Protein backbone atom coordinates (compact mmCIF):
# COMPACT_ATOMS: atom_id res chain seq x y z
CA MET A 1 49.80 78.86 116.60
CA THR A 2 50.77 82.04 114.78
CA VAL A 3 54.41 83.08 114.69
CA ILE A 4 55.15 86.72 115.48
CA VAL A 5 58.41 88.63 115.04
CA ARG A 6 59.36 91.36 117.48
CA ASP A 7 62.39 93.18 118.78
CA LEU A 8 64.43 91.45 121.45
CA ARG A 9 63.89 93.16 124.80
CA PRO A 10 67.40 93.62 126.26
CA GLU A 11 65.99 94.52 129.67
CA ALA A 12 64.25 91.13 129.84
CA ARG A 13 66.78 88.51 130.94
CA ALA A 14 64.52 85.71 129.69
CA ASP A 15 64.62 87.21 126.18
CA VAL A 16 68.40 87.47 126.18
CA GLU A 17 68.84 83.95 127.50
CA ALA A 18 66.42 82.52 124.93
CA PHE A 19 68.22 84.38 122.14
CA ALA A 20 71.56 82.89 123.21
CA ARG A 21 70.05 79.42 123.63
CA VAL A 22 68.50 79.31 120.15
CA ARG A 23 71.73 80.52 118.57
CA HIS A 24 73.70 77.85 120.42
CA LEU A 25 71.32 75.09 119.34
CA ALA A 26 71.38 76.23 115.71
CA LEU A 27 75.10 77.01 115.63
CA PRO A 28 76.91 75.13 118.41
CA TYR A 29 80.34 75.97 116.94
CA MET A 30 80.14 79.59 118.13
CA VAL A 31 80.94 80.66 121.68
CA SER A 32 78.11 82.87 122.90
CA THR A 33 76.51 83.74 126.24
CA PRO A 34 73.56 85.87 127.35
CA ASP A 35 76.06 88.51 128.47
CA SER A 36 77.65 88.64 125.02
CA VAL A 37 74.19 89.03 123.44
CA ALA A 38 73.40 91.91 125.79
CA HIS A 39 76.80 93.49 125.13
CA ALA A 40 76.23 93.47 121.35
CA ILE A 41 73.03 95.43 121.86
CA ALA A 42 74.34 97.87 124.46
CA GLN A 43 77.56 98.70 122.59
CA ALA A 44 76.34 98.68 119.01
CA HIS A 45 77.53 101.72 117.06
CA PRO A 46 74.64 104.08 116.19
CA ASP A 47 75.56 103.88 112.49
CA ALA A 48 75.12 100.09 112.59
CA HIS A 49 71.37 100.45 113.15
CA TYR A 50 71.69 97.11 114.91
CA ARG A 51 68.38 95.39 115.53
CA PRO A 52 68.15 91.94 117.11
CA LEU A 53 64.87 90.21 116.33
CA VAL A 54 63.13 87.18 117.77
CA ALA A 55 60.42 84.95 116.36
CA GLU A 56 57.93 83.80 118.96
CA ARG A 57 55.38 80.98 118.79
CA ASN A 58 52.98 80.17 121.60
CA GLY A 59 55.10 82.25 123.98
CA GLU A 60 58.35 80.47 123.07
CA ILE A 61 61.23 82.16 121.25
CA ILE A 62 62.03 79.80 118.39
CA GLY A 63 64.07 82.01 116.06
CA THR A 64 66.53 84.90 116.13
CA ALA A 65 68.05 87.38 113.72
CA GLN A 66 71.03 89.70 114.03
CA VAL A 67 70.42 92.61 111.69
CA GLY A 68 72.48 95.69 110.94
CA ILE A 69 74.64 97.84 108.67
CA ALA A 70 78.39 97.22 108.23
CA HIS A 71 79.22 100.71 109.51
CA ASP A 72 82.98 100.03 109.69
CA SER A 73 83.22 99.22 105.99
CA PRO A 74 84.48 101.85 103.54
CA GLU A 75 81.71 100.82 101.14
CA PRO A 76 78.31 102.21 102.19
CA GLY A 77 74.97 100.43 101.96
CA GLN A 78 76.07 96.97 103.05
CA GLY A 79 73.68 95.24 105.40
CA TYR A 80 73.69 91.88 107.11
CA LEU A 81 71.08 89.54 108.53
CA ASN A 82 71.94 86.27 110.19
CA VAL A 83 68.85 84.18 110.89
CA TYR A 84 68.79 81.12 113.14
CA VAL A 85 65.82 78.93 114.02
CA HIS A 86 65.61 76.33 116.78
CA PRO A 87 66.43 73.03 114.99
CA GLN A 88 63.32 71.38 116.45
CA ARG A 89 61.01 74.29 115.65
CA THR A 90 61.44 74.63 111.90
CA ARG A 91 58.66 74.65 109.30
CA HIS A 92 56.50 77.14 111.19
CA GLY A 93 57.46 80.12 109.00
CA ALA A 94 59.72 81.75 111.57
CA GLY A 95 62.72 82.01 109.24
CA SER A 96 60.81 83.62 106.39
CA LEU A 97 59.12 86.11 108.69
CA LEU A 98 62.44 87.07 110.28
CA VAL A 99 63.97 87.61 106.83
CA ARG A 100 61.06 89.82 105.75
CA VAL A 101 61.19 92.06 108.82
CA ALA A 102 64.99 92.25 108.66
CA GLU A 103 65.01 93.22 105.00
CA GLU A 104 62.42 95.94 105.58
CA HIS A 105 64.57 97.39 108.36
CA LEU A 106 67.76 97.31 106.29
CA ALA A 107 66.08 98.83 103.23
CA ALA A 108 64.78 101.67 105.40
CA GLN A 109 68.37 102.32 106.54
CA GLY A 110 69.62 102.62 102.96
CA ALA A 111 71.11 99.17 102.47
CA THR A 112 71.60 98.15 98.85
CA LYS A 113 73.41 94.83 99.33
CA LEU A 114 72.54 92.23 101.94
CA PHE A 115 74.79 89.47 103.27
CA THR A 116 73.84 86.39 105.25
CA TRP A 117 75.66 83.29 106.45
CA VAL A 118 73.96 79.94 105.80
CA LEU A 119 75.10 76.51 106.95
CA ASP A 120 76.21 74.43 103.98
CA GLU A 121 73.28 72.05 104.09
CA PRO A 122 70.71 71.51 101.29
CA ALA A 123 67.69 72.79 103.23
CA ASN A 124 69.47 75.95 104.41
CA ARG A 125 70.94 76.78 101.02
CA SER A 126 67.57 76.20 99.37
CA PHE A 127 65.92 78.52 101.89
CA ALA A 128 68.40 81.32 101.15
CA GLU A 129 68.13 80.94 97.39
CA SER A 130 64.32 80.89 97.55
CA HIS A 131 64.51 84.35 99.14
CA GLY A 132 66.69 85.74 96.36
CA TYR A 133 70.14 85.20 97.86
CA ARG A 134 73.02 83.83 95.82
CA PRO A 135 76.03 81.92 97.19
CA SER A 136 79.37 83.65 97.59
CA ARG A 137 82.41 82.65 99.66
CA SER A 138 82.61 79.78 102.15
CA ALA A 139 84.05 79.53 105.65
CA HIS A 140 84.76 76.59 107.93
CA PHE A 141 84.14 76.06 111.63
CA LEU A 142 86.88 73.98 113.24
CA ARG A 143 86.99 72.18 116.58
CA LEU A 144 89.85 70.92 118.74
CA ASP A 145 89.47 68.51 121.67
CA LEU A 146 91.57 70.68 123.94
CA ALA A 147 91.38 68.33 126.92
CA ASN A 148 92.76 65.28 125.12
CA SER A 149 94.74 66.63 122.17
CA SER A 150 98.52 66.69 121.98
CA LEU A 151 99.32 70.33 121.49
CA PRO A 152 102.64 71.19 119.90
CA PRO A 153 105.21 71.81 122.64
CA LEU A 154 105.89 75.36 123.70
CA ARG A 155 109.17 76.70 122.37
CA THR A 156 111.42 79.49 123.46
CA PRO A 157 110.94 82.54 121.22
CA PRO A 158 113.93 83.49 119.07
CA PRO A 159 116.14 86.47 120.00
CA GLY A 160 114.26 89.75 119.85
CA VAL A 161 110.87 88.03 120.12
CA GLU A 162 108.83 88.08 123.32
CA LEU A 163 105.50 86.57 124.37
CA ARG A 164 103.10 88.68 126.43
CA THR A 165 99.34 88.74 127.05
CA ALA A 166 96.76 91.39 126.28
CA ALA A 167 96.40 91.90 130.03
CA ASP A 168 99.78 93.66 129.89
CA TYR A 169 98.06 96.38 127.84
CA ALA A 170 95.09 96.88 130.15
CA ASP A 171 96.17 100.43 131.01
CA ASP A 172 96.82 101.45 127.38
CA PRO A 173 95.21 99.23 124.72
CA ARG A 174 96.17 101.46 121.78
CA PRO A 175 98.93 99.09 120.56
CA MET A 176 96.34 96.30 120.54
CA PHE A 177 93.95 98.48 118.56
CA ALA A 178 96.59 99.17 115.92
CA LEU A 179 97.52 95.48 115.70
CA ASP A 180 93.90 94.32 115.49
CA ALA A 181 93.04 96.95 112.89
CA GLU A 182 95.87 95.97 110.54
CA ALA A 183 95.32 92.23 110.88
CA THR A 184 91.54 92.52 110.44
CA ALA A 185 91.84 94.75 107.38
CA ASP A 186 93.63 91.94 105.50
CA GLU A 187 91.25 89.12 106.43
CA PRO A 188 89.48 87.53 103.42
CA SER A 189 85.90 88.81 103.34
CA ASP A 190 83.10 90.05 101.11
CA ILE A 191 82.90 93.15 103.30
CA ALA A 192 86.04 95.23 103.73
CA VAL A 193 86.56 96.47 107.29
CA GLU A 194 88.49 99.50 108.52
CA PHE A 195 88.89 100.16 112.24
CA THR A 196 89.27 103.92 112.64
CA ASP A 197 87.21 104.66 115.76
CA TYR A 198 89.31 103.82 118.81
CA GLU A 199 86.56 104.54 121.35
CA ALA A 200 84.10 102.33 119.47
CA TRP A 201 86.71 99.55 119.37
CA ILE A 202 87.22 99.86 123.12
CA ALA A 203 83.49 99.55 123.78
CA GLU A 204 82.73 96.81 121.27
CA THR A 205 85.93 94.73 121.23
CA TRP A 206 88.25 95.41 124.15
CA LYS A 207 85.43 95.36 126.71
CA HIS A 208 83.63 92.40 125.11
CA PRO A 209 82.52 90.05 127.91
CA LEU A 210 83.91 86.98 126.12
CA LEU A 211 87.39 88.44 125.58
CA ASP A 212 89.88 86.90 128.01
CA LEU A 213 92.88 89.21 128.25
CA GLU A 214 94.94 86.67 130.22
CA LEU A 215 94.50 84.03 127.50
CA THR A 216 95.00 86.44 124.59
CA SER A 217 98.64 86.01 123.57
CA VAL A 218 100.67 88.79 121.98
CA VAL A 219 104.03 88.44 120.20
CA LEU A 220 106.44 91.37 120.36
CA VAL A 221 109.36 91.82 117.98
CA ASP A 222 111.97 94.22 119.35
CA GLY A 223 109.34 95.52 121.73
CA ARG A 224 106.72 96.12 119.05
CA PRO A 225 103.43 94.15 119.01
CA ALA A 226 103.56 92.08 115.82
CA ALA A 227 101.05 89.24 116.20
CA LEU A 228 98.22 88.15 118.45
CA SER A 229 95.78 85.34 119.10
CA ALA A 230 92.66 86.75 120.76
CA ALA A 231 90.77 84.39 123.06
CA TYR A 232 87.04 84.27 123.70
CA THR A 233 85.77 82.05 126.51
CA ASP A 234 82.40 81.25 128.05
CA GLY A 235 83.89 81.11 131.53
CA ALA A 236 83.25 77.38 131.74
CA THR A 237 84.62 74.90 129.19
CA ARG A 238 84.52 76.54 125.75
CA TYR A 239 87.34 78.60 124.20
CA ALA A 240 87.40 80.23 120.78
CA SER A 241 90.04 82.03 118.73
CA ALA A 242 88.41 85.35 117.94
CA MET A 243 91.28 86.67 115.82
CA THR A 244 94.74 85.38 115.02
CA GLY A 245 96.84 87.64 112.86
CA THR A 246 100.16 89.31 112.18
CA THR A 247 101.06 92.79 111.00
CA ARG A 248 102.23 92.98 107.40
CA ALA A 249 105.87 93.71 108.22
CA PHE A 250 106.29 90.50 110.21
CA ARG A 251 104.34 87.91 108.23
CA GLY A 252 105.96 84.66 107.14
CA ARG A 253 107.96 84.22 110.35
CA GLY A 254 105.60 81.87 112.21
CA LEU A 255 104.55 84.49 114.75
CA ALA A 256 100.81 83.76 114.49
CA LYS A 257 101.53 80.11 115.17
CA LEU A 258 103.66 81.08 118.16
CA ALA A 259 100.89 83.27 119.59
CA LYS A 260 98.14 80.71 119.05
CA ASN A 261 100.13 77.86 120.58
CA ASP A 262 100.82 79.96 123.67
CA SER A 263 97.13 80.87 123.97
CA LEU A 264 95.97 77.27 123.56
CA HIS A 265 98.35 76.05 126.25
CA ARG A 266 97.14 78.80 128.58
CA ALA A 267 93.52 77.88 127.87
CA ARG A 268 94.06 74.20 128.61
CA ALA A 269 95.88 75.02 131.83
CA ALA A 270 92.89 77.19 132.82
CA GLY A 271 90.54 74.21 132.42
CA TYR A 272 88.98 74.79 129.00
CA THR A 273 88.21 71.54 127.20
CA GLU A 274 86.89 72.56 123.76
CA ALA A 275 88.50 74.98 121.32
CA PHE A 276 86.76 76.45 118.29
CA THR A 277 87.89 78.67 115.46
CA GLY A 278 86.72 79.76 112.03
CA ASN A 279 88.54 80.21 108.73
CA ASP A 280 87.65 81.48 105.31
CA ALA A 281 87.77 78.46 102.99
CA GLY A 282 90.39 80.26 100.90
CA ASN A 283 92.63 81.24 103.81
CA ASP A 284 95.15 78.45 103.25
CA PRO A 285 97.83 79.77 105.64
CA MET A 286 95.49 79.79 108.67
CA LEU A 287 93.89 76.47 107.67
CA ALA A 288 97.36 74.94 107.57
CA ILE A 289 98.20 76.38 110.99
CA ASN A 290 94.99 75.02 112.50
CA LYS A 291 95.54 71.60 110.93
CA TRP A 292 99.01 71.62 112.53
CA PHE A 293 97.36 72.19 115.91
CA GLY A 294 94.95 69.30 115.34
CA TYR A 295 91.77 71.22 114.58
CA GLU A 296 89.20 69.43 112.41
CA ILE A 297 86.48 71.00 110.28
CA CYS A 298 83.12 70.44 111.98
CA ALA A 299 80.83 72.54 109.76
CA THR A 300 80.88 74.90 106.79
CA GLU A 301 78.94 78.09 106.14
CA VAL A 302 78.31 79.75 102.79
CA ARG A 303 77.82 83.48 102.60
CA HIS A 304 74.90 84.48 100.42
CA VAL A 305 74.30 87.89 98.88
CA ARG A 306 71.22 89.73 97.64
CA ARG A 307 71.05 93.14 95.99
CA LEU A 308 68.13 95.42 96.73
CA GLY A 309 66.53 97.70 94.16
């Protein structure tokens, strides 16, 4: 049967559920739900020109693509396309067709450099390189058996340091915005990110359906938010660290470790059994922290880049 590529229909629940299912099968190390897929579409910034695509064969969605412009980067013209195909539905041309449609969309929006993540496996890397993409940085997915692991014991914060949760900032999230913006700006990445639009951050990040404010731990130093460990959950068994970081003035004091340990203990007490996180392969400080917690690398992705024109 012929494979067709079309836009995902956000009003069709079956489309959204199939999109989430294919992504989970292809990339089981990410926490995702149909609601989070729908949220990404509904809250996408207009400048992102976000376009989720699906590949369909014989009435079945067998591939997906997340396509858009990195609108929050200070460097213009940077596009992204992340393509995933059902592991048991490969070799039907879905991946290549998704790439072609995605590239046409991004070129029309003025993109000059395209980024894509590819699992570090021979077939996937060969696919990317055959389409003109060249390998760049690597990142690891890590998993922790939260139900059976021995988490480090909770410790009393030192004088002047206090543990809170993001739920304490529900009425005024601006301190969380400032903390997230500074920590994110210093994350290792091919694409620099600057959070400057508070309202967009509220819509896209603070109101994200996976974000659990009660499990997101925040460290205050002399009353000032200094570190956080943001928690994503699927509402069932899976927990993920969406961002763990510290503001520049307070780094090197173990505050990120303090926040993450508190969040992990909260998550286990709430009944979550699997914890996931991701780290740039060159981010030695966070890799060391996650090793200390007992996380193990379960997969690696390689970012690939292609220039247009």
